[in-house]
């Protein structure tokens, strides 16, 4: 019996890249968010609450908004009033710190013990970090992790802080071998 190991190369990406557009129709929204985040990072050094929530909506993470301490009118969260909202004092500050950390520490600035942002896990945290650094920080998502695992490029299918660095390095290795593609 011959065991075939999945090979991720230019041909593989060329075949599967168009399939993404068949299941997601969000390129315009993605590009608009990239521009908005770049503008905000340049002007205020972090991401506004509104943009953060737009990224969450884009990611499909609004289902866990209740775990945050961000006040959102019409939503049930740990912040029941605007006075209890911790976006500016906690989330925006953590994003500012994460933006200035080296790549291997960016996600930890949002998720490590003692600084963990309520409601933010590795998939959502890496998404926000990706919008800050769209050319260098990949989003750890279920489909990508499954493919990298199948190709023996990562050791586990877990999508958490402890496994993000291995994931990031695998993606960067693919980018070096397949330079014509973006992280998107």
C-alpha atoms as a PDB file:
ATOM      1  CA  UNK A   1       0.000   0.000   0.000  1.00  0.00           C
ATOM      2  CA  UNK A   2       1.322   3.393  -1.018  1.00  0.00           C
ATOM      3  CA  UNK A   3       0.497   6.291   1.257  1.00  0.00           C
ATOM      4  CA  UNK A   4       0.171   9.571  -0.584  1.00  0.00           C
ATOM      5  CA  UNK A   5       1.049  12.698   1.327  1.00  0.00           C
ATOM      6  CA  UNK A   6      -0.774  15.817   0.249  1.00  0.00           C
ATOM      7  CA  UNK A   7       1.629  18.147  -1.555  1.00  0.00           C
ATOM      8  CA  UNK A   8       0.909  21.863  -1.231  1.00  0.00           C
ATOM      9  CA  UNK A   9       2.581  23.712  -4.074  1.00  0.00           C
ATOM     10  CA  UNK A  10       1.710  26.277  -6.755  1.00  0.00           C
ATOM     11  CA  UNK A  11      -0.407  23.743  -8.652  1.00  0.00           C
ATOM     12  CA  UNK A  12      -2.383  22.842  -5.530  1.00  0.00           C
ATOM     13  CA  UNK A  13      -3.030  26.500  -4.661  1.00  0.00           C
ATOM     14  CA  UNK A  14      -3.924  27.341  -8.268  1.00  0.00           C
ATOM     15  CA  UNK A  15      -6.502  24.538  -8.242  1.00  0.00           C
ATOM     16  CA  UNK A  16      -8.069  25.398  -4.883  1.00  0.00           C
ATOM     17  CA  UNK A  17      -7.853  29.209  -4.823  1.00  0.00           C
ATOM     18  CA  UNK A  18     -10.891  29.710  -7.126  1.00  0.00           C
ATOM     19  CA  UNK A  19     -12.933  27.358  -4.944  1.00  0.00           C
ATOM     20  CA  UNK A  20     -12.751  29.847  -2.069  1.00  0.00           C
ATOM     21  CA  UNK A  21     -14.727  32.350  -4.132  1.00  0.00           C
ATOM     22  CA  UNK A  22     -17.414  29.709  -4.646  1.00  0.00           C
ATOM     23  CA  UNK A  23     -18.104  29.528  -0.900  1.00  0.00           C
ATOM     24  CA  UNK A  24     -17.242  33.090   0.143  1.00  0.00           C
ATOM     25  CA  UNK A  25     -18.173  36.320  -1.578  1.00  0.00           C
ATOM     26  CA  UNK A  26     -16.341  38.741   0.680  1.00  0.00           C
ATOM     27  CA  UNK A  27     -13.331  40.073  -1.219  1.00  0.00           C
ATOM     28  CA  UNK A  28     -14.663  43.649  -1.436  1.00  0.00           C
ATOM     29  CA  UNK A  29     -15.486  43.676   2.274  1.00  0.00           C
ATOM     30  CA  UNK A  30     -12.075  42.186   3.074  1.00  0.00           C
ATOM     31  CA  UNK A  31     -10.211  44.804   1.029  1.00  0.00           C
ATOM     32  CA  UNK A  32     -12.254  47.635   2.583  1.00  0.00           C
ATOM     33  CA  UNK A  33     -11.405  46.364   6.071  1.00  0.00           C
ATOM     34  CA  UNK A  34      -7.694  46.098   5.210  1.00  0.00           C
ATOM     35  CA  UNK A  35      -7.733  49.761   4.097  1.00  0.00           C
ATOM     36  CA  UNK A  36      -9.718  50.909   7.129  1.00  0.00           C
ATOM     37  CA  UNK A  37      -7.406  49.118   9.560  1.00  0.00           C
ATOM     38  CA  UNK A  38      -4.292  50.549   7.855  1.00  0.00           C
ATOM     39  CA  UNK A  39      -5.766  54.057   8.062  1.00  0.00           C
ATOM     40  CA  UNK A  40      -6.683  53.652  11.742  1.00  0.00           C
ATOM     41  CA  UNK A  41      -3.340  52.121  12.686  1.00  0.00           C
ATOM     42  CA  UNK A  42      -1.593  55.082  11.045  1.00  0.00           C
ATOM     43  CA  UNK A  43      -3.824  57.690  12.682  1.00  0.00           C
ATOM     44  CA  UNK A  44      -4.707  56.312  16.143  1.00  0.00           C
ATOM     45  CA  UNK A  45      -2.260  53.412  16.533  1.00  0.00           C
ATOM     46  CA  UNK A  46      -4.977  50.817  17.073  1.00  0.00           C
ATOM     47  CA  UNK A  47      -8.335  49.701  15.672  1.00  0.00           C
ATOM     48  CA  UNK A  48     -11.552  51.547  16.497  1.00  0.00           C
ATOM     49  CA  UNK A  49     -14.347  49.682  18.231  1.00  0.00           C
ATOM     50  CA  UNK A  50     -16.540  49.919  15.133  1.00  0.00           C
ATOM     51  CA  UNK A  51     -13.812  48.427  12.915  1.00  0.00           C
ATOM     52  CA  UNK A  52     -13.100  45.699  15.468  1.00  0.00           C
ATOM     53  CA  UNK A  53     -16.784  44.748  15.400  1.00  0.00           C
ATOM     54  CA  UNK A  54     -16.788  44.815  11.580  1.00  0.00           C
ATOM     55  CA  UNK A  55     -13.836  42.397  11.586  1.00  0.00           C
ATOM     56  CA  UNK A  56     -15.754  40.178  14.008  1.00  0.00           C
ATOM     57  CA  UNK A  57     -18.776  40.226  11.709  1.00  0.00           C
ATOM     58  CA  UNK A  58     -16.563  39.414   8.710  1.00  0.00           C
ATOM     59  CA  UNK A  59     -15.039  36.500  10.642  1.00  0.00           C
ATOM     60  CA  UNK A  60     -18.449  35.274  11.753  1.00  0.00           C
ATOM     61  CA  UNK A  61     -17.495  35.670  15.407  1.00  0.00           C
ATOM     62  CA  UNK A  62     -20.474  37.736  16.535  1.00  0.00           C
ATOM     63  CA  UNK A  63     -21.949  34.545  17.983  1.00  0.00           C
ATOM     64  CA  UNK A  64     -19.500  34.893  20.913  1.00  0.00           C
ATOM     65  CA  UNK A  65     -19.903  38.643  21.451  1.00  0.00           C
ATOM     66  CA  UNK A  66     -21.634  37.824  24.752  1.00  0.00           C
ATOM     67  CA  UNK A  67     -18.308  36.643  26.165  1.00  0.00           C
ATOM     68  CA  UNK A  68     -16.707  40.052  25.658  1.00  0.00           C
ATOM     69  CA  UNK A  69     -16.663  43.075  27.915  1.00  0.00           C
ATOM     70  CA  UNK A  70     -17.524  45.313  24.963  1.00  0.00           C
ATOM     71  CA  UNK A  71     -20.820  47.186  25.071  1.00  0.00           C
ATOM     72  CA  UNK A  72     -22.782  46.722  21.870  1.00  0.00           C
ATOM     73  CA  UNK A  73     -26.266  48.185  21.762  1.00  0.00           C
ATOM     74  CA  UNK A  74     -28.848  45.483  21.219  1.00  0.00           C
ATOM     75  CA  UNK A  75     -26.435  42.658  22.161  1.00  0.00           C
ATOM     76  CA  UNK A  76     -26.008  40.907  25.497  1.00  0.00           C
ATOM     77  CA  UNK A  77     -22.375  41.133  26.616  1.00  0.00           C
ATOM     78  CA  UNK A  78     -20.523  41.263  29.919  1.00  0.00           C
ATOM     79  CA  UNK A  79     -20.628  45.061  29.554  1.00  0.00           C
ATOM     80  CA  UNK A  80     -24.282  45.825  30.203  1.00  0.00           C
ATOM     81  CA  UNK A  81     -23.876  49.583  29.886  1.00  0.00           C
ATOM     82  CA  UNK A  82     -21.591  51.886  27.935  1.00  0.00           C
ATOM     83  CA  UNK A  83     -19.897  52.778  31.233  1.00  0.00           C
ATOM     84  CA  UNK A  84     -18.830  49.105  31.598  1.00  0.00           C
ATOM     85  CA  UNK A  85     -17.408  48.942  28.056  1.00  0.00           C
ATOM     86  CA  UNK A  86     -13.735  47.912  28.131  1.00  0.00           C
ATOM     87  CA  UNK A  87     -12.994  48.337  24.437  1.00  0.00           C
ATOM     88  CA  UNK A  88     -10.870  51.478  24.726  1.00  0.00           C
ATOM     89  CA  UNK A  89      -9.204  50.533  28.004  1.00  0.00           C
ATOM     90  CA  UNK A  90      -8.589  46.845  27.346  1.00  0.00           C
ATOM     91  CA  UNK A  91      -9.112  45.683  23.764  1.00  0.00           C
ATOM     92  CA  UNK A  92      -7.745  48.702  21.882  1.00  0.00           C
ATOM     93  CA  UNK A  93      -4.697  48.821  24.166  1.00  0.00           C
ATOM     94  CA  UNK A  94      -4.027  45.098  23.651  1.00  0.00           C
ATOM     95  CA  UNK A  95      -4.288  45.548  19.874  1.00  0.00           C
ATOM     96  CA  UNK A  96      -1.821  48.431  20.038  1.00  0.00           C
ATOM     97  CA  UNK A  97       0.625  46.241  22.000  1.00  0.00           C
ATOM     98  CA  UNK A  98       0.111  43.276  19.674  1.00  0.00           C
ATOM     99  CA  UNK A  99       0.833  45.420  16.623  1.00  0.00           C
ATOM    100  CA  UNK A 100       4.259  46.335  17.974  1.00  0.00           C
ATOM    101  CA  UNK A 101       5.286  42.840  19.105  1.00  0.00           C
ATOM    102  CA  UNK A 102       7.480  40.598  16.934  1.00  0.00           C
ATOM    103  CA  UNK A 103       5.473  38.109  14.822  1.00  0.00           C
ATOM    104  CA  UNK A 104       5.921  35.202  17.221  1.00  0.00           C
ATOM    105  CA  UNK A 105       4.462  37.272  20.112  1.00  0.00           C
ATOM    106  CA  UNK A 106       1.594  39.127  18.422  1.00  0.00           C
ATOM    107  CA  UNK A 107      -1.167  36.625  19.170  1.00  0.00           C
ATOM    108  CA  UNK A 108       0.108  36.058  22.704  1.00  0.00           C
ATOM    109  CA  UNK A 109      -0.356  39.792  23.325  1.00  0.00           C
ATOM    110  CA  UNK A 110      -4.093  39.114  22.999  1.00  0.00           C
ATOM    111  CA  UNK A 111      -4.401  35.584  24.398  1.00  0.00           C
ATOM    112  CA  UNK A 112      -1.635  34.808  26.897  1.00  0.00           C
ATOM    113  CA  UNK A 113      -2.531  34.196  30.539  1.00  0.00           C
ATOM    114  CA  UNK A 114      -2.880  37.488  32.364  1.00  0.00           C
ATOM    115  CA  UNK A 115      -3.770  39.448  29.202  1.00  0.00           C
ATOM    116  CA  UNK A 116      -6.393  37.195  27.555  1.00  0.00           C
ATOM    117  CA  UNK A 117      -9.157  39.266  26.036  1.00  0.00           C
ATOM    118  CA  UNK A 118     -12.606  37.928  26.938  1.00  0.00           C
ATOM    119  CA  UNK A 119     -14.326  36.392  23.913  1.00  0.00           C
ATOM    120  CA  UNK A 120     -11.186  36.266  21.800  1.00  0.00           C
ATOM    121  CA  UNK A 121      -9.675  32.917  20.838  1.00  0.00           C
ATOM    122  CA  UNK A 122      -6.890  32.093  18.399  1.00  0.00           C
ATOM    123  CA  UNK A 123      -9.048  32.111  15.229  1.00  0.00           C
ATOM    124  CA  UNK A 124     -10.574  35.526  15.992  1.00  0.00           C
ATOM    125  CA  UNK A 125      -7.392  36.968  17.477  1.00  0.00           C
ATOM    126  CA  UNK A 126      -5.345  35.883  14.479  1.00  0.00           C
ATOM    127  CA  UNK A 127      -7.966  37.428  12.206  1.00  0.00           C
ATOM    128  CA  UNK A 128      -7.638  40.812  13.904  1.00  0.00           C
ATOM    129  CA  UNK A 129      -3.828  40.536  13.835  1.00  0.00           C
ATOM    130  CA  UNK A 130      -4.039  39.589  10.133  1.00  0.00           C
ATOM    131  CA  UNK A 131      -5.918  42.798   9.342  1.00  0.00           C
ATOM    132  CA  UNK A 132      -3.180  44.779  11.113  1.00  0.00           C
ATOM    133  CA  UNK A 133      -0.449  42.868   9.224  1.00  0.00           C
ATOM    134  CA  UNK A 134      -2.174  41.370   6.133  1.00  0.00           C
ATOM    135  CA  UNK A 135       1.098  40.558   4.382  1.00  0.00           C
ATOM    136  CA  UNK A 136       2.696  38.625   7.217  1.00  0.00           C
ATOM    137  CA  UNK A 137       0.223  37.262   9.792  1.00  0.00           C
ATOM    138  CA  UNK A 138      -2.029  34.363   8.695  1.00  0.00           C
ATOM    139  CA  UNK A 139      -5.501  33.586  10.012  1.00  0.00           C
ATOM    140  CA  UNK A 140      -5.664  30.227  11.755  1.00  0.00           C
ATOM    141  CA  UNK A 141      -8.908  28.711  10.509  1.00  0.00           C
ATOM    142  CA  UNK A 142     -10.335  25.242  10.419  1.00  0.00           C
ATOM    143  CA  UNK A 143      -9.977  24.563   6.674  1.00  0.00           C
ATOM    144  CA  UNK A 144      -6.380  25.757   6.472  1.00  0.00           C
ATOM    145  CA  UNK A 145      -5.388  23.819   9.583  1.00  0.00           C
ATOM    146  CA  UNK A 146      -6.995  20.648   8.212  1.00  0.00           C
ATOM    147  CA  UNK A 147      -5.073  20.946   4.936  1.00  0.00           C
ATOM    148  CA  UNK A 148      -1.741  21.691   6.641  1.00  0.00           C
ATOM    149  CA  UNK A 149      -2.273  18.757   8.981  1.00  0.00           C
ATOM    150  CA  UNK A 150      -3.129  16.431   6.079  1.00  0.00           C
ATOM    151  CA  UNK A 151       0.075  17.563   4.336  1.00  0.00           C
ATOM    152  CA  UNK A 152       2.105  16.826   7.498  1.00  0.00           C
ATOM    153  CA  UNK A 153       3.140  20.469   7.762  1.00  0.00           C
ATOM    154  CA  UNK A 154       1.758  20.825  11.291  1.00  0.00           C
ATOM    155  CA  UNK A 155       1.469  18.252  14.069  1.00  0.00           C
ATOM    156  CA  UNK A 156      -2.116  18.890  15.200  1.00  0.00           C
ATOM    157  CA  UNK A 157      -5.470  20.217  14.067  1.00  0.00           C
ATOM    158  CA  UNK A 158      -5.831  22.292  17.222  1.00  0.00           C
ATOM    159  CA  UNK A 159      -6.412  25.989  16.617  1.00  0.00           C
ATOM    160  CA  UNK A 160      -5.181  27.718  19.741  1.00  0.00           C
ATOM    161  CA  UNK A 161      -2.414  29.970  21.006  1.00  0.00           C
ATOM    162  CA  UNK A 162      -0.129  27.041  21.812  1.00  0.00           C
ATOM    163  CA  UNK A 163      -0.204  25.888  18.174  1.00  0.00           C
ATOM    164  CA  UNK A 164      -0.334  29.192  16.321  1.00  0.00           C
ATOM    165  CA  UNK A 165       3.433  29.618  15.960  1.00  0.00           C
ATOM    166  CA  UNK A 166       3.796  26.196  14.298  1.00  0.00           C
ATOM    167  CA  UNK A 167       0.905  27.149  11.984  1.00  0.00           C
ATOM    168  CA  UNK A 168       2.429  30.572  11.203  1.00  0.00           C
ATOM    169  CA  UNK A 169       5.787  29.000  10.376  1.00  0.00           C
ATOM    170  CA  UNK A 170       4.140  26.421   8.093  1.00  0.00           C
ATOM    171  CA  UNK A 171       2.290  29.162   6.225  1.00  0.00           C
ATOM    172  CA  UNK A 172       5.475  31.232   5.910  1.00  0.00           C
ATOM    173  CA  UNK A 173       7.263  28.167   4.539  1.00  0.00           C
ATOM    174  CA  UNK A 174       4.553  27.817   1.896  1.00  0.00           C
ATOM    175  CA  UNK A 175       4.848  31.514   1.044  1.00  0.00           C
ATOM    176  CA  UNK A 176       8.587  31.071   0.419  1.00  0.00           C
ATOM    177  CA  UNK A 177       7.964  28.027  -1.789  1.00  0.00           C
ATOM    178  CA  UNK A 178       4.966  29.623  -3.564  1.00  0.00           C
ATOM    179  CA  UNK A 179       5.780  33.356  -3.660  1.00  0.00           C
ATOM    180  CA  UNK A 180       3.093  34.311  -6.168  1.00  0.00           C
ATOM    181  CA  UNK A 181       0.276  33.954  -3.625  1.00  0.00           C
ATOM    182  CA  UNK A 182      -0.974  36.159  -0.803  1.00  0.00           C
ATOM    183  CA  UNK A 183      -2.024  35.069   2.657  1.00  0.00           C
ATOM    184  CA  UNK A 184      -5.586  35.689   1.589  1.00  0.00           C
END
